Amino acid sequence: AGETMLEVAEAASRFGILEDTIRFWARSYECGKKD
């Protein structure tokens, strides 16, 4: 709540990180959630 959320593709593009890595971080390091 209150955090700016991005879809994986947008985050990957913005930060220059692979989409699979972003998804992995979302699942494993509580960096994101599945809508």
PDB file of all heavy atoms in Angstrom:
ATOM      1  N   ALA A   1       0.843  -1.200   0.000  1.00  0.00           N
ATOM      2  CA  ALA A   1       0.000   0.000   0.000  1.00  0.00           C
ATOM      3  C   ALA A   1       0.878   1.250   0.000  1.00  0.00           C
ATOM      4  O   ALA A   1       1.840   1.350   0.749  1.00  0.00           O
ATOM      5  CB  ALA A   1      -0.926  -0.008   1.221  1.00  0.00           C
ATOM      6  N   GLY A   2       0.547   2.181  -0.853  1.00  0.00           N
ATOM      7  CA  GLY A   2       1.267   3.435  -0.916  1.00  0.00           C
ATOM      8  C   GLY A   2       2.534   3.393  -1.748  1.00  0.00           C
ATOM      9  O   GLY A   2       3.184   4.409  -1.938  1.00  0.00           O
ATOM     10  N   GLU A   3       2.911   2.219  -2.257  1.00  0.00           N
ATOM     11  CA  GLU A   3       4.114   2.119  -3.075  1.00  0.00           C
ATOM     12  C   GLU A   3       3.751   2.224  -4.550  1.00  0.00           C
ATOM     13  O   GLU A   3       2.680   1.814  -4.970  1.00  0.00           O
ATOM     14  CB  GLU A   3       4.836   0.791  -2.819  1.00  0.00           C
ATOM     15  CG  GLU A   3       5.373   0.687  -1.410  1.00  0.00           C
ATOM     16  CD  GLU A   3       6.336  -0.468  -1.240  1.00  0.00           C
ATOM     17  OE1 GLU A   3       7.197  -0.657  -2.118  1.00  0.00           O
ATOM     18  OE2 GLU A   3       6.213  -1.177  -0.230  1.00  0.00           O
ATOM     19  N   THR A   4       4.680   2.781  -5.326  1.00  0.00           N
ATOM     20  CA  THR A   4       4.481   2.870  -6.764  1.00  0.00           C
ATOM     21  C   THR A   4       4.764   1.498  -7.369  1.00  0.00           C
ATOM     22  O   THR A   4       5.850   0.950  -7.176  1.00  0.00           O
ATOM     23  CB  THR A   4       5.439   3.917  -7.386  1.00  0.00           C
ATOM     24  OG1 THR A   4       5.208   5.163  -6.744  1.00  0.00           O
ATOM     25  CG2 THR A   4       5.209   4.034  -8.872  1.00  0.00           C
ATOM     26  N   MET A   5       3.778   0.947  -8.067  1.00  0.00           N
ATOM     27  CA  MET A   5       3.896  -0.388  -8.644  1.00  0.00           C
ATOM     28  C   MET A   5       4.011  -0.293 -10.158  1.00  0.00           C
ATOM     29  O   MET A   5       3.363   0.533 -10.787  1.00  0.00           O
ATOM     30  CB  MET A   5       2.682  -1.238  -8.260  1.00  0.00           C
ATOM     31  CG  MET A   5       2.408  -1.350  -6.771  1.00  0.00           C
ATOM     32  SD  MET A   5       3.697  -2.203  -5.851  1.00  0.00           S
ATOM     33  CE  MET A   5       3.376  -3.891  -6.338  1.00  0.00           C
ATOM     34  N   LEU A   6       4.843  -1.156 -10.724  1.00  0.00           N
ATOM     35  CA  LEU A   6       5.024  -1.233 -12.171  1.00  0.00           C
ATOM     36  C   LEU A   6       4.830  -2.677 -12.625  1.00  0.00           C
ATOM     37  O   LEU A   6       5.112  -3.607 -11.865  1.00  0.00           O
ATOM     38  CB  LEU A   6       6.437  -0.812 -12.576  1.00  0.00           C
ATOM     39  CG  LEU A   6       6.887   0.607 -12.292  1.00  0.00           C
ATOM     40  CD1 LEU A   6       8.358   0.756 -12.677  1.00  0.00           C
ATOM     41  CD2 LEU A   6       6.038   1.590 -13.059  1.00  0.00           C
ATOM     42  N   GLU A   7       4.395  -2.851 -13.865  1.00  0.00           N
ATOM     43  CA  GLU A   7       4.386  -4.195 -14.435  1.00  0.00           C
ATOM     44  C   GLU A   7       5.831  -4.591 -14.707  1.00  0.00           C
ATOM     45  O   GLU A   7       6.711  -3.740 -14.864  1.00  0.00           O
ATOM     46  CB  GLU A   7       3.554  -4.233 -15.707  1.00  0.00           C
ATOM     47  CG  GLU A   7       2.072  -4.144 -15.423  1.00  0.00           C
ATOM     48  CD  GLU A   7       1.221  -4.509 -16.635  1.00  0.00           C
ATOM     49  OE1 GLU A   7       1.772  -4.898 -17.683  1.00  0.00           O
ATOM     50  OE2 GLU A   7      -0.003  -4.392 -16.515  1.00  0.00           O
ATOM     51  N   VAL A   8       6.071  -5.888 -14.788  1.00  0.00           N
ATOM     52  CA  VAL A   8       7.429  -6.412 -14.930  1.00  0.00           C
ATOM     53  C   VAL A   8       8.120  -5.851 -16.169  1.00  0.00           C
ATOM     54  O   VAL A   8       9.286  -5.429 -16.108  1.00  0.00           O
ATOM     55  CB  VAL A   8       7.392  -7.961 -14.966  1.00  0.00           C
ATOM     56  CG1 VAL A   8       8.737  -8.523 -15.372  1.00  0.00           C
ATOM     57  CG2 VAL A   8       6.980  -8.492 -13.607  1.00  0.00           C
ATOM     58  N   ALA A   9       7.435  -5.827 -17.310  1.00  0.00           N
ATOM     59  CA  ALA A   9       8.061  -5.349 -18.545  1.00  0.00           C
ATOM     60  C   ALA A   9       8.510  -3.894 -18.407  1.00  0.00           C
ATOM     61  O   ALA A   9       9.607  -3.524 -18.845  1.00  0.00           O
ATOM     62  CB  ALA A   9       7.095  -5.500 -19.715  1.00  0.00           C
ATOM     63  N   GLU A  10       7.686  -3.070 -17.798  1.00  0.00           N
ATOM     64  CA  GLU A  10       8.032  -1.658 -17.617  1.00  0.00           C
ATOM     65  C   GLU A  10       9.215  -1.505 -16.663  1.00  0.00           C
ATOM     66  O   GLU A  10      10.126  -0.710 -16.896  1.00  0.00           O
ATOM     67  CB  GLU A  10       6.829  -0.874 -17.099  1.00  0.00           C
ATOM     68  CG  GLU A  10       7.061   0.614 -17.049  1.00  0.00           C
ATOM     69  CD  GLU A  10       5.838   1.390 -16.595  1.00  0.00           C
ATOM     70  OE1 GLU A  10       4.723   0.835 -16.575  1.00  0.00           O
ATOM     71  OE2 GLU A  10       6.014   2.570 -16.247  1.00  0.00           O
ATOM     72  N   ALA A  11       9.211  -2.288 -15.575  1.00  0.00           N
ATOM     73  CA  ALA A  11      10.316  -2.227 -14.613  1.00  0.00           C
ATOM     74  C   ALA A  11      11.614  -2.700 -15.268  1.00  0.00           C
ATOM     75  O   ALA A  11      12.671  -2.094 -15.070  1.00  0.00           O
ATOM     76  CB  ALA A  11       9.998  -3.068 -13.389  1.00  0.00           C
ATOM     77  N   ALA A  12      11.541  -3.755 -16.070  1.00  0.00           N
ATOM     78  CA  ALA A  12      12.730  -4.280 -16.744  1.00  0.00           C
ATOM     79  C   ALA A  12      13.302  -3.228 -17.693  1.00  0.00           C
ATOM     80  O   ALA A  12      14.522  -3.011 -17.747  1.00  0.00           O
ATOM     81  CB  ALA A  12      12.385  -5.560 -17.504  1.00  0.00           C
ATOM     82  N   SER A  13      12.427  -2.566 -18.410  1.00  0.00           N
ATOM     83  CA  SER A  13      12.862  -1.528 -19.335  1.00  0.00           C
ATOM     84  C   SER A  13      13.463  -0.337 -18.587  1.00  0.00           C
ATOM     85  O   SER A  13      14.519   0.176 -18.960  1.00  0.00           O
ATOM     86  CB  SER A  13      11.670  -1.066 -20.180  1.00  0.00           C
ATOM     87  OG  SER A  13      12.011   0.031 -20.970  1.00  0.00           O
ATOM     88  N   ARG A  14      12.810   0.083 -17.523  1.00  0.00           N
ATOM     89  CA  ARG A  14      13.266   1.249 -16.770  1.00  0.00           C
ATOM     90  C   ARG A  14      14.621   1.015 -16.092  1.00  0.00           C
ATOM     91  O   ARG A  14      15.479   1.889 -16.083  1.00  0.00           O
ATOM     92  CB  ARG A  14      12.234   1.617 -15.714  1.00  0.00           C
ATOM     93  CG  ARG A  14      12.638   2.849 -14.902  1.00  0.00           C
ATOM     94  CD  ARG A  14      11.651   3.169 -13.825  1.00  0.00           C
ATOM     95  NE  ARG A  14      10.440   3.744 -14.394  1.00  0.00           N
ATOM     96  CZ  ARG A  14       9.497   4.324 -13.685  1.00  0.00           C
ATOM     97  NH1 ARG A  14       9.616   4.381 -12.367  1.00  0.00           N
ATOM     98  NH2 ARG A  14       8.434   4.822 -14.258  1.00  0.00           N
ATOM     99  N   PHE A  15      14.826  -0.199 -15.534  1.00  0.00           N
ATOM    100  CA  PHE A  15      16.035  -0.458 -14.756  1.00  0.00           C
ATOM    101  C   PHE A  15      17.102  -1.247 -15.518  1.00  0.00           C
ATOM    102  O   PHE A  15      18.193  -1.463 -15.003  1.00  0.00           O
ATOM    103  CB  PHE A  15      15.686  -1.197 -13.460  1.00  0.00           C
ATOM    104  CG  PHE A  15      14.787  -0.400 -12.560  1.00  0.00           C
ATOM    105  CD1 PHE A  15      13.501  -0.820 -12.304  1.00  0.00           C
ATOM    106  CD2 PHE A  15      15.227   0.786 -11.994  1.00  0.00           C
ATOM    107  CE1 PHE A  15      12.658  -0.082 -11.478  1.00  0.00           C
ATOM    108  CE2 PHE A  15      14.403   1.528 -11.169  1.00  0.00           C
ATOM    109  CZ  PHE A  15      13.113   1.098 -10.909  1.00  0.00           C
ATOM    110  N   GLY A  16      16.789  -1.696 -16.740  1.00  0.00           N
ATOM    111  CA  GLY A  16      17.773  -2.443 -17.522  1.00  0.00           C
ATOM    112  C   GLY A  16      18.068  -3.818 -16.956  1.00  0.00           C
ATOM    113  O   GLY A  16      19.194  -4.318 -17.039  1.00  0.00           O
ATOM    114  N   ILE A  17      17.066  -4.453 -16.382  1.00  0.00           N
ATOM    115  CA  ILE A  17      17.195  -5.781 -15.782  1.00  0.00           C
ATOM    116  C   ILE A  17      16.278  -6.724 -16.567  1.00  0.00           C
ATOM    117  O   ILE A  17      15.195  -6.324 -16.999  1.00  0.00           O
ATOM    118  CB  ILE A  17      16.758  -5.771 -14.298  1.00  0.00           C
ATOM    119  CG1 ILE A  17      17.526  -4.713 -13.505  1.00  0.00           C
ATOM    120  CG2 ILE A  17      16.886  -7.143 -13.662  1.00  0.00           C
ATOM    121  CD1 ILE A  17      18.955  -5.041 -13.217  1.00  0.00           C
ATOM    122  N   LEU A  18      16.674  -7.973 -16.742  1.00  0.00           N
ATOM    123  CA  LEU A  18      15.841  -8.937 -17.457  1.00  0.00           C
ATOM    124  C   LEU A  18      14.495  -9.137 -16.750  1.00  0.00           C
ATOM    125  O   LEU A  18      14.428  -9.132 -15.515  1.00  0.00           O
ATOM    126  CB  LEU A  18      16.544 -10.285 -17.557  1.00  0.00           C
ATOM    127  CG  LEU A  18      17.811 -10.339 -18.406  1.00  0.00           C
ATOM    128  CD1 LEU A  18      18.469 -11.701 -18.267  1.00  0.00           C
ATOM    129  CD2 LEU A  18      17.485 -10.039 -19.855  1.00  0.00           C
ATOM    130  N   GLU A  19      13.455  -9.341 -17.542  1.00  0.00           N
ATOM    131  CA  GLU A  19      12.115  -9.563 -16.977  1.00  0.00           C
ATOM    132  C   GLU A  19      12.096 -10.774 -16.055  1.00  0.00           C
ATOM    133  O   GLU A  19      11.461 -10.737 -14.995  1.00  0.00           O
ATOM    134  CB  GLU A  19      11.080  -9.734 -18.093  1.00  0.00           C
ATOM    135  CG  GLU A  19      10.760  -8.458 -18.822  1.00  0.00           C
ATOM    136  CD  GLU A  19       9.656  -8.639 -19.847  1.00  0.00           C
ATOM    137  OE1 GLU A  19       8.806  -9.540 -19.688  1.00  0.00           O
ATOM    138  OE2 GLU A  19       9.641  -7.858 -20.819  1.00  0.00           O
ATOM    139  N   ASP A  20      12.782 -11.842 -16.444  1.00  0.00           N
ATOM    140  CA  ASP A  20      12.816 -13.043 -15.591  1.00  0.00           C
ATOM    141  C   ASP A  20      13.440 -12.743 -14.233  1.00  0.00           C
ATOM    142  O   ASP A  20      13.000 -13.255 -13.208  1.00  0.00           O
ATOM    143  CB  ASP A  20      13.581 -14.174 -16.283  1.00  0.00           C
ATOM    144  CG  ASP A  20      12.814 -14.781 -17.441  1.00  0.00           C
ATOM    145  OD1 ASP A  20      11.577 -14.628 -17.473  1.00  0.00           O
ATOM    146  OD2 ASP A  20      13.446 -15.418 -18.304  1.00  0.00           O
ATOM    147  N   THR A  21      14.452 -11.900 -14.219  1.00  0.00           N
ATOM    148  CA  THR A  21      15.104 -11.521 -12.961  1.00  0.00           C
ATOM    149  C   THR A  21      14.151 -10.713 -12.098  1.00  0.00           C
ATOM    150  O   THR A  21      14.041 -10.953 -10.887  1.00  0.00           O
ATOM    151  CB  THR A  21      16.390 -10.719 -13.241  1.00  0.00           C
ATOM    152  OG1 THR A  21      17.256 -11.521 -14.039  1.00  0.00           O
ATOM    153  CG2 THR A  21      17.082 -10.322 -11.954  1.00  0.00           C
ATOM    154  N   ILE A  22      13.436  -9.768 -12.720  1.00  0.00           N
ATOM    155  CA  ILE A  22      12.470  -8.955 -11.981  1.00  0.00           C
ATOM    156  C   ILE A  22      11.395  -9.850 -11.369  1.00  0.00           C
ATOM    157  O   ILE A  22      11.035  -9.698 -10.199  1.00  0.00           O
ATOM    158  CB  ILE A  22      11.820  -7.892 -12.896  1.00  0.00           C
ATOM    159  CG1 ILE A  22      12.872  -6.926 -13.453  1.00  0.00           C
ATOM    160  CG2 ILE A  22      10.705  -7.155 -12.176  1.00  0.00           C
ATOM    161  CD1 ILE A  22      13.395  -5.917 -12.478  1.00  0.00           C
ATOM    162  N   ARG A  23      10.888 -10.807 -12.155  1.00  0.00           N
ATOM    163  CA  ARG A  23       9.865 -11.736 -11.645  1.00  0.00           C
ATOM    164  C   ARG A  23      10.413 -12.558 -10.484  1.00  0.00           C
ATOM    165  O   ARG A  23       9.731 -12.779  -9.483  1.00  0.00           O
ATOM    166  CB  ARG A  23       9.383 -12.666 -12.762  1.00  0.00           C
ATOM    167  CG  ARG A  23       8.156 -12.196 -13.437  1.00  0.00           C
ATOM    168  CD  ARG A  23       7.591 -13.254 -14.397  1.00  0.00           C
ATOM    169  NE  ARG A  23       7.272 -12.575 -15.620  1.00  0.00           N
ATOM    170  CZ  ARG A  23       8.066 -12.443 -16.682  1.00  0.00           C
ATOM    171  NH1 ARG A  23       9.242 -12.994 -16.689  1.00  0.00           N
ATOM    172  NH2 ARG A  23       7.677 -11.784 -17.736  1.00  0.00           N
ATOM    173  N   PHE A  24      11.654 -13.027 -10.626  1.00  0.00           N
ATOM    174  CA  PHE A  24      12.296 -13.816  -9.569  1.00  0.00           C
ATOM    175  C   PHE A  24      12.398 -12.993  -8.284  1.00  0.00           C
ATOM    176  O   PHE A  24      12.086 -13.473  -7.192  1.00  0.00           O
ATOM    177  CB  PHE A  24      13.678 -14.291 -10.026  1.00  0.00           C
ATOM    178  CG  PHE A  24      14.454 -14.994  -8.954  1.00  0.00           C
ATOM    179  CD1 PHE A  24      14.143 -16.304  -8.612  1.00  0.00           C
ATOM    180  CD2 PHE A  24      15.475 -14.354  -8.278  1.00  0.00           C
ATOM    181  CE1 PHE A  24      14.848 -16.963  -7.612  1.00  0.00           C
ATOM    182  CE2 PHE A  24      16.188 -14.995  -7.283  1.00  0.00           C
ATOM    183  CZ  PHE A  24      15.872 -16.310  -6.950  1.00  0.00           C
ATOM    184  N   TRP A  25      12.823 -11.747  -8.405  1.00  0.00           N
ATOM    185  CA  TRP A  25      12.924 -10.880  -7.234  1.00  0.00           C
ATOM    186  C   TRP A  25      11.550 -10.651  -6.613  1.00  0.00           C
ATOM    187  O   TRP A  25      11.407 -10.621  -5.390  1.00  0.00           O
ATOM    188  CB  TRP A  25      13.538  -9.546  -7.601  1.00  0.00           C
ATOM    189  CG  TRP A  25      15.001  -9.593  -7.927  1.00  0.00           C
ATOM    190  CD1 TRP A  25      15.847 -10.654  -7.773  1.00  0.00           C
ATOM    191  CD2 TRP A  25      15.781  -8.551  -8.480  1.00  0.00           C
ATOM    192  NE1 TRP A  25      17.102 -10.321  -8.197  1.00  0.00           N
ATOM    193  CE2 TRP A  25      17.097  -9.040  -8.630  1.00  0.00           C
ATOM    194  CE3 TRP A  25      15.510  -7.248  -8.863  1.00  0.00           C
ATOM    195  CZ2 TRP A  25      18.125  -8.262  -9.149  1.00  0.00           C
ATOM    196  CZ3 TRP A  25      16.528  -6.470  -9.377  1.00  0.00           C
ATOM    197  CH2 TRP A  25      17.826  -6.977  -9.513  1.00  0.00           C
ATOM    198  N   ALA A  26      10.542 -10.485  -7.455  1.00  0.00           N
ATOM    199  CA  ALA A  26       9.180 -10.258  -6.954  1.00  0.00           C
ATOM    200  C   ALA A  26       8.730 -11.440  -6.096  1.00  0.00           C
ATOM    201  O   ALA A  26       8.149 -11.257  -5.032  1.00  0.00           O
ATOM    202  CB  ALA A  26       8.222 -10.042  -8.121  1.00  0.00           C
ATOM    203  N   ARG A  27       9.013 -12.645  -6.587  1.00  0.00           N
ATOM    204  CA  ARG A  27       8.605 -13.848  -5.850  1.00  0.00           C
ATOM    205  C   ARG A  27       9.489 -14.116  -4.632  1.00  0.00           C
ATOM    206  O   ARG A  27       9.007 -14.418  -3.550  1.00  0.00           O
ATOM    207  CB  ARG A  27       8.658 -15.078  -6.766  1.00  0.00           C
ATOM    208  CG  ARG A  27       7.586 -15.160  -7.787  1.00  0.00           C
ATOM    209  CD  ARG A  27       7.582 -16.534  -8.469  1.00  0.00           C
ATOM    210  NE  ARG A  27       8.892 -16.957  -8.919  1.00  0.00           N
ATOM    211  CZ  ARG A  27       9.411 -16.704 -10.123  1.00  0.00           C
ATOM    212  NH1 ARG A  27       8.725 -16.019 -10.994  1.00  0.00           N
ATOM    213  NH2 ARG A  27      10.603 -17.150 -10.448  1.00  0.00           N
ATOM    214  N   SER A  28      10.789 -14.041  -4.831  1.00  0.00           N
ATOM    215  CA  SER A  28      11.734 -14.516  -3.815  1.00  0.00           C
ATOM    216  C   SER A  28      12.117 -13.482  -2.765  1.00  0.00           C
ATOM    217  O   SER A  28      12.451 -13.841  -1.641  1.00  0.00           O
ATOM    218  CB  SER A  28      13.009 -15.009  -4.504  1.00  0.00           C
ATOM    219  OG  SER A  28      12.694 -16.013  -5.430  1.00  0.00           O
ATOM    220  N   TYR A  29      12.097 -12.217  -3.123  1.00  0.00           N
ATOM    221  CA  TYR A  29      12.561 -11.175  -2.204  1.00  0.00           C
ATOM    222  C   TYR A  29      11.458 -10.185  -1.828  1.00  0.00           C
ATOM    223  O   TYR A  29      11.749  -9.078  -1.369  1.00  0.00           O
ATOM    224  CB  TYR A  29      13.754 -10.429  -2.819  1.00  0.00           C
ATOM    225  CG  TYR A  29      14.946 -11.331  -3.044  1.00  0.00           C
ATOM    226  CD1 TYR A  29      15.252 -11.774  -4.328  1.00  0.00           C
ATOM    227  CD2 TYR A  29      15.723 -11.760  -1.982  1.00  0.00           C
ATOM    228  CE1 TYR A  29      16.335 -12.609  -4.542  1.00  0.00           C
ATOM    229  CE2 TYR A  29      16.796 -12.601  -2.187  1.00  0.00           C
ATOM    230  CZ  TYR A  29      17.104 -13.029  -3.470  1.00  0.00           C
ATOM    231  OH  TYR A  29      18.170 -13.867  -3.682  1.00  0.00           O
ATOM    232  N   GLU A  30      10.225 -10.578  -2.051  1.00  0.00           N
ATOM    233  CA  GLU A  30       9.066  -9.753  -1.702  1.00  0.00           C
ATOM    234  C   GLU A  30       9.160  -8.347  -2.303  1.00  0.00           C
ATOM    235  O   GLU A  30       8.856  -7.363  -1.645  1.00  0.00           O
ATOM    236  CB  GLU A  30       8.888  -9.696  -0.189  1.00  0.00           C
ATOM    237  CG  GLU A  30       8.591 -11.047   0.418  1.00  0.00           C
ATOM    238  CD  GLU A  30       8.389 -10.997   1.925  1.00  0.00           C
ATOM    239  OE1 GLU A  30       8.374  -9.897   2.504  1.00  0.00           O
ATOM    240  OE2 GLU A  30       8.226 -12.066   2.511  1.00  0.00           O
ATOM    241  N   CYS A  31       9.564  -8.307  -3.553  1.00  0.00           N
ATOM    242  CA  CYS A  31       9.639  -7.030  -4.264  1.00  0.00           C
ATOM    243  C   CYS A  31       8.371  -6.773  -5.064  1.00  0.00           C
ATOM    244  O   CYS A  31       8.233  -5.724  -5.673  1.00  0.00           O
ATOM    245  CB  CYS A  31      10.835  -7.030  -5.220  1.00  0.00           C
ATOM    246  SG  CYS A  31      12.423  -7.039  -4.376  1.00  0.00           S
ATOM    247  N   GLY A  32       7.471  -7.740  -5.091  1.00  0.00           N
ATOM    248  CA  GLY A  32       6.264  -7.558  -5.887  1.00  0.00           C
ATOM    249  C   GLY A  32       5.193  -8.564  -5.519  1.00  0.00           C
ATOM    250  O   GLY A  32       5.357  -9.381  -4.616  1.00  0.00           O
ATOM    251  N   LYS A  33       4.102  -8.469  -6.248  1.00  0.00           N
ATOM    252  CA  LYS A  33       2.975  -9.368  -6.014  1.00  0.00           C
ATOM    253  C   LYS A  33       2.288  -9.650  -7.343  1.00  0.00           C
ATOM    254  O   LYS A  33       2.394  -8.879  -8.291  1.00  0.00           O
ATOM    255  CB  LYS A  33       1.984  -8.744  -5.034  1.00  0.00           C
ATOM    256  CG  LYS A  33       1.329  -7.467  -5.552  1.00  0.00           C
ATOM    257  CD  LYS A  33       0.373  -6.887  -4.543  1.00  0.00           C
ATOM    258  CE  LYS A  33      -0.235  -5.590  -5.077  1.00  0.00           C
ATOM    259  NZ  LYS A  33      -1.181  -5.017  -4.129  1.00  0.00           N
ATOM    260  N   LYS A  34       1.585 -10.763  -7.389  1.00  0.00           N
ATOM    261  CA  LYS A  34       0.846 -11.120  -8.590  1.00  0.00           C
ATOM    262  C   LYS A  34      -0.552 -10.531  -8.501  1.00  0.00           C
ATOM    263  O   LYS A  34      -1.252 -10.717  -7.519  1.00  0.00           O
ATOM    264  CB  LYS A  34       0.778 -12.636  -8.723  1.00  0.00           C
ATOM    265  CG  LYS A  34       0.454 -13.110 -10.098  1.00  0.00           C
ATOM    266  CD  LYS A  34       0.724 -14.583 -10.232  1.00  0.00           C
ATOM    267  CE  LYS A  34       0.717 -14.970 -11.691  1.00  0.00           C
ATOM    268  NZ  LYS A  34       1.056 -16.377 -11.853  1.00  0.00           N
ATOM    269  N   ASP A  35      -0.940  -9.797  -9.528  1.00  0.00           N
ATOM    270  CA  ASP A  35      -2.267  -9.188  -9.585  1.00  0.00           C
ATOM    271  C   ASP A  35      -3.299 -10.297  -9.748  1.00  0.00           C
ATOM    272  O   ASP A  35      -3.215 -11.090 -10.687  1.00  0.00           O
ATOM    273  CB  ASP A  35      -2.340  -8.210 -10.755  1.00  0.00           C
ATOM    274  CG  ASP A  35      -3.622  -7.420 -10.766  1.00  0.00           C
ATOM    275  OD1 ASP A  35      -4.698  -8.046 -10.800  1.00  0.00           O
ATOM    276  OD2 ASP A  35      -3.551  -6.184 -10.747  1.00  0.00           O
TER     277      ASP A  35
END
